[in-house]
Amino acid sequence: MTIYIDADACPVKEETVRVAERYGHRVVIVSNGGIRPRRETFVKTVVVPEGPDAADLYIAERIGPGDICVTG
């Protein structure tokens, strides 16, 4: 299972990463900038182009059955 975080709209990024670590899930943090890469090996940071729906589109194109999306 992968947890996708729309970091531009999500107020619970840190909490989500902690829970994912506890349960051994991969995390993809998607943002259009301003997010520092994480040290955790199970967390991937993706920077998408500027635009109101760029993070949403990135996640929508990749999310699959059993995955989770966390957003505002």
N, C-alpha and C. Protein backbone atom coordinates (compact mmCIF):
# COMPACT_ATOMS: atom_id res chain seq x y z
N MET A 1 0.84 -1.17 0.00
CA MET A 1 0.00 0.00 0.00
C MET A 1 0.88 1.24 0.00
N THR A 2 0.47 2.23 -0.77
CA THR A 2 1.15 3.51 -0.81
C THR A 2 0.19 4.58 -0.32
N ILE A 3 0.71 5.49 0.48
CA ILE A 3 -0.07 6.63 0.94
C ILE A 3 0.43 7.86 0.20
N TYR A 4 -0.45 8.48 -0.57
CA TYR A 4 -0.12 9.70 -1.29
C TYR A 4 -0.60 10.88 -0.47
N ILE A 5 0.27 11.87 -0.32
CA ILE A 5 -0.09 13.08 0.42
C ILE A 5 -0.05 14.26 -0.53
N ASP A 6 -1.18 14.96 -0.66
CA ASP A 6 -1.23 16.22 -1.39
C ASP A 6 -0.72 17.27 -0.41
N ALA A 7 0.57 17.50 -0.43
CA ALA A 7 1.21 18.33 0.60
C ALA A 7 0.80 19.79 0.54
N ASP A 8 0.32 20.25 -0.60
CA ASP A 8 -0.12 21.65 -0.69
C ASP A 8 -1.41 21.88 0.08
N ALA A 9 -2.16 20.82 0.33
CA ALA A 9 -3.47 20.97 0.96
C ALA A 9 -3.62 20.18 2.26
N CYS A 10 -2.57 19.48 2.68
CA CYS A 10 -2.72 18.55 3.80
C CYS A 10 -2.16 19.12 5.11
N PRO A 11 -3.01 19.22 6.13
CA PRO A 11 -2.53 19.73 7.42
C PRO A 11 -1.93 18.65 8.32
N VAL A 12 -1.93 17.39 7.90
CA VAL A 12 -1.48 16.30 8.78
C VAL A 12 -0.35 15.47 8.15
N LYS A 13 0.59 16.14 7.51
CA LYS A 13 1.70 15.44 6.86
C LYS A 13 2.54 14.64 7.87
N GLU A 14 2.94 15.28 8.94
CA GLU A 14 3.80 14.61 9.93
C GLU A 14 3.11 13.41 10.56
N GLU A 15 1.85 13.58 10.90
CA GLU A 15 1.10 12.48 11.50
C GLU A 15 0.98 11.30 10.54
N THR A 16 0.76 11.61 9.27
CA THR A 16 0.63 10.55 8.25
C THR A 16 1.93 9.78 8.10
N VAL A 17 3.05 10.47 8.08
CA VAL A 17 4.35 9.81 7.96
C VAL A 17 4.60 8.91 9.18
N ARG A 18 4.27 9.38 10.36
CA ARG A 18 4.46 8.56 11.57
C ARG A 18 3.63 7.28 11.52
N VAL A 19 2.39 7.39 11.11
CA VAL A 19 1.52 6.22 11.03
C VAL A 19 2.02 5.26 9.95
N ALA A 20 2.43 5.80 8.81
CA ALA A 20 2.96 4.96 7.73
C ALA A 20 4.20 4.19 8.19
N GLU A 21 5.06 4.84 8.93
CA GLU A 21 6.25 4.17 9.44
C GLU A 21 5.86 3.03 10.39
N ARG A 22 4.92 3.30 11.25
CA ARG A 22 4.46 2.29 12.21
C ARG A 22 3.95 1.04 11.52
N TYR A 23 3.25 1.22 10.38
CA TYR A 23 2.64 0.08 9.70
C TYR A 23 3.42 -0.39 8.48
N GLY A 24 4.54 0.23 8.20
CA GLY A 24 5.39 -0.22 7.10
C GLY A 24 4.88 0.12 5.71
N HIS A 25 4.21 1.26 5.57
CA HIS A 25 3.69 1.67 4.26
C HIS A 25 4.60 2.71 3.62
N ARG A 26 4.60 2.73 2.32
CA ARG A 26 5.35 3.71 1.55
C ARG A 26 4.55 5.01 1.48
N VAL A 27 5.24 6.15 1.44
CA VAL A 27 4.59 7.45 1.37
C VAL A 27 5.15 8.23 0.19
N VAL A 28 4.27 8.87 -0.57
CA VAL A 28 4.67 9.77 -1.64
C VAL A 28 4.08 11.13 -1.31
N ILE A 29 4.95 12.10 -1.07
CA ILE A 29 4.53 13.47 -0.76
C ILE A 29 4.62 14.29 -2.04
N VAL A 30 3.48 14.81 -2.49
CA VAL A 30 3.41 15.53 -3.76
C VAL A 30 3.12 17.00 -3.49
N SER A 31 3.94 17.87 -4.08
CA SER A 31 3.81 19.31 -3.85
C SER A 31 4.30 20.07 -5.07
N ASN A 32 3.88 21.32 -5.19
CA ASN A 32 4.42 22.13 -6.28
C ASN A 32 5.57 23.01 -5.80
N GLY A 33 6.20 22.62 -4.70
CA GLY A 33 7.39 23.31 -4.22
C GLY A 33 7.30 23.63 -2.74
N GLY A 34 8.43 23.99 -2.18
CA GLY A 34 8.47 24.40 -0.79
C GLY A 34 8.51 23.28 0.23
N ILE A 35 8.61 22.04 -0.22
CA ILE A 35 8.67 20.90 0.69
C ILE A 35 10.08 20.33 0.66
N ARG A 36 10.69 20.19 1.81
CA ARG A 36 12.03 19.60 1.87
C ARG A 36 11.94 18.09 1.73
N PRO A 37 12.89 17.49 1.02
CA PRO A 37 12.92 16.02 0.95
C PRO A 37 13.10 15.43 2.35
N ARG A 38 12.53 14.27 2.57
CA ARG A 38 12.59 13.61 3.87
C ARG A 38 13.75 12.63 3.90
N ARG A 39 14.25 12.35 5.09
CA ARG A 39 15.34 11.40 5.27
C ARG A 39 14.87 9.95 5.24
N GLU A 40 13.63 9.74 5.62
CA GLU A 40 13.11 8.38 5.71
C GLU A 40 13.15 7.71 4.34
N THR A 41 13.61 6.47 4.30
CA THR A 41 13.75 5.76 3.03
C THR A 41 12.40 5.36 2.45
N PHE A 42 11.36 5.30 3.25
CA PHE A 42 10.04 4.91 2.77
C PHE A 42 9.22 6.10 2.26
N VAL A 43 9.82 7.31 2.32
CA VAL A 43 9.12 8.53 1.88
C VAL A 43 9.79 9.08 0.63
N LYS A 44 8.98 9.29 -0.41
CA LYS A 44 9.46 9.91 -1.65
C LYS A 44 8.81 11.27 -1.78
N THR A 45 9.60 12.28 -2.11
CA THR A 45 9.08 13.63 -2.33
C THR A 45 9.05 13.91 -3.82
N VAL A 46 7.89 14.33 -4.33
CA VAL A 46 7.72 14.63 -5.74
C VAL A 46 7.32 16.09 -5.87
N VAL A 47 8.02 16.84 -6.71
CA VAL A 47 7.68 18.22 -6.98
C VAL A 47 7.07 18.28 -8.38
N VAL A 48 5.84 18.78 -8.45
CA VAL A 48 5.13 18.90 -9.72
C VAL A 48 5.14 20.36 -10.16
N PRO A 49 4.83 20.64 -11.43
CA PRO A 49 4.79 22.02 -11.89
C PRO A 49 3.72 22.84 -11.16
N GLU A 50 3.88 24.15 -11.20
CA GLU A 50 2.89 25.05 -10.61
C GLU A 50 1.55 24.83 -11.29
N GLY A 51 0.50 25.00 -10.55
CA GLY A 51 -0.84 24.88 -11.11
C GLY A 51 -1.80 24.41 -10.04
N PRO A 52 -3.05 24.81 -10.13
CA PRO A 52 -3.99 24.50 -9.06
C PRO A 52 -4.28 23.01 -8.90
N ASP A 53 -4.16 22.22 -9.95
CA ASP A 53 -4.51 20.80 -9.85
C ASP A 53 -3.34 19.88 -10.17
N ALA A 54 -2.13 20.39 -10.23
CA ALA A 54 -0.99 19.57 -10.64
C ALA A 54 -0.75 18.40 -9.69
N ALA A 55 -0.80 18.64 -8.38
CA ALA A 55 -0.61 17.56 -7.41
C ALA A 55 -1.75 16.55 -7.50
N ASP A 56 -2.97 17.05 -7.63
CA ASP A 56 -4.13 16.16 -7.76
C ASP A 56 -3.99 15.25 -8.97
N LEU A 57 -3.60 15.82 -10.10
CA LEU A 57 -3.46 15.04 -11.33
C LEU A 57 -2.36 13.99 -11.20
N TYR A 58 -1.24 14.37 -10.59
CA TYR A 58 -0.14 13.41 -10.39
C TYR A 58 -0.64 12.22 -9.59
N ILE A 59 -1.32 12.50 -8.50
CA ILE A 59 -1.82 11.42 -7.63
C ILE A 59 -2.87 10.59 -8.37
N ALA A 60 -3.81 11.23 -9.04
CA ALA A 60 -4.89 10.52 -9.73
C ALA A 60 -4.35 9.56 -10.79
N GLU A 61 -3.25 9.94 -11.44
CA GLU A 61 -2.67 9.09 -12.49
C GLU A 61 -1.93 7.88 -11.93
N ARG A 62 -1.61 7.89 -10.63
CA ARG A 62 -0.77 6.83 -10.07
C ARG A 62 -1.44 5.99 -8.98
N ILE A 63 -2.42 6.54 -8.33
CA ILE A 63 -3.03 5.83 -7.20
C ILE A 63 -3.77 4.59 -7.70
N GLY A 64 -3.76 3.56 -6.89
CA GLY A 64 -4.40 2.31 -7.28
C GLY A 64 -5.24 1.73 -6.16
N PRO A 65 -5.85 0.59 -6.44
CA PRO A 65 -6.66 -0.07 -5.42
C PRO A 65 -5.83 -0.34 -4.15
N GLY A 66 -6.40 -0.02 -3.02
CA GLY A 66 -5.72 -0.25 -1.75
C GLY A 66 -4.83 0.89 -1.30
N ASP A 67 -4.54 1.84 -2.18
CA ASP A 67 -3.75 3.00 -1.81
C ASP A 67 -4.64 4.02 -1.11
N ILE A 68 -4.00 4.99 -0.45
CA ILE A 68 -4.72 6.02 0.28
C ILE A 68 -4.22 7.39 -0.17
N CYS A 69 -5.12 8.36 -0.27
CA CYS A 69 -4.75 9.75 -0.56
C CYS A 69 -5.17 10.60 0.62
N VAL A 70 -4.23 11.39 1.13
CA VAL A 70 -4.51 12.31 2.24
C VAL A 70 -4.37 13.72 1.69
N THR A 71 -5.42 14.53 1.87
CA THR A 71 -5.42 15.88 1.36
C THR A 71 -6.21 16.77 2.32
N GLY A 72 -6.39 18.01 1.96
CA GLY A 72 -7.13 18.94 2.81
C GLY A 72 -8.58 18.60 2.78
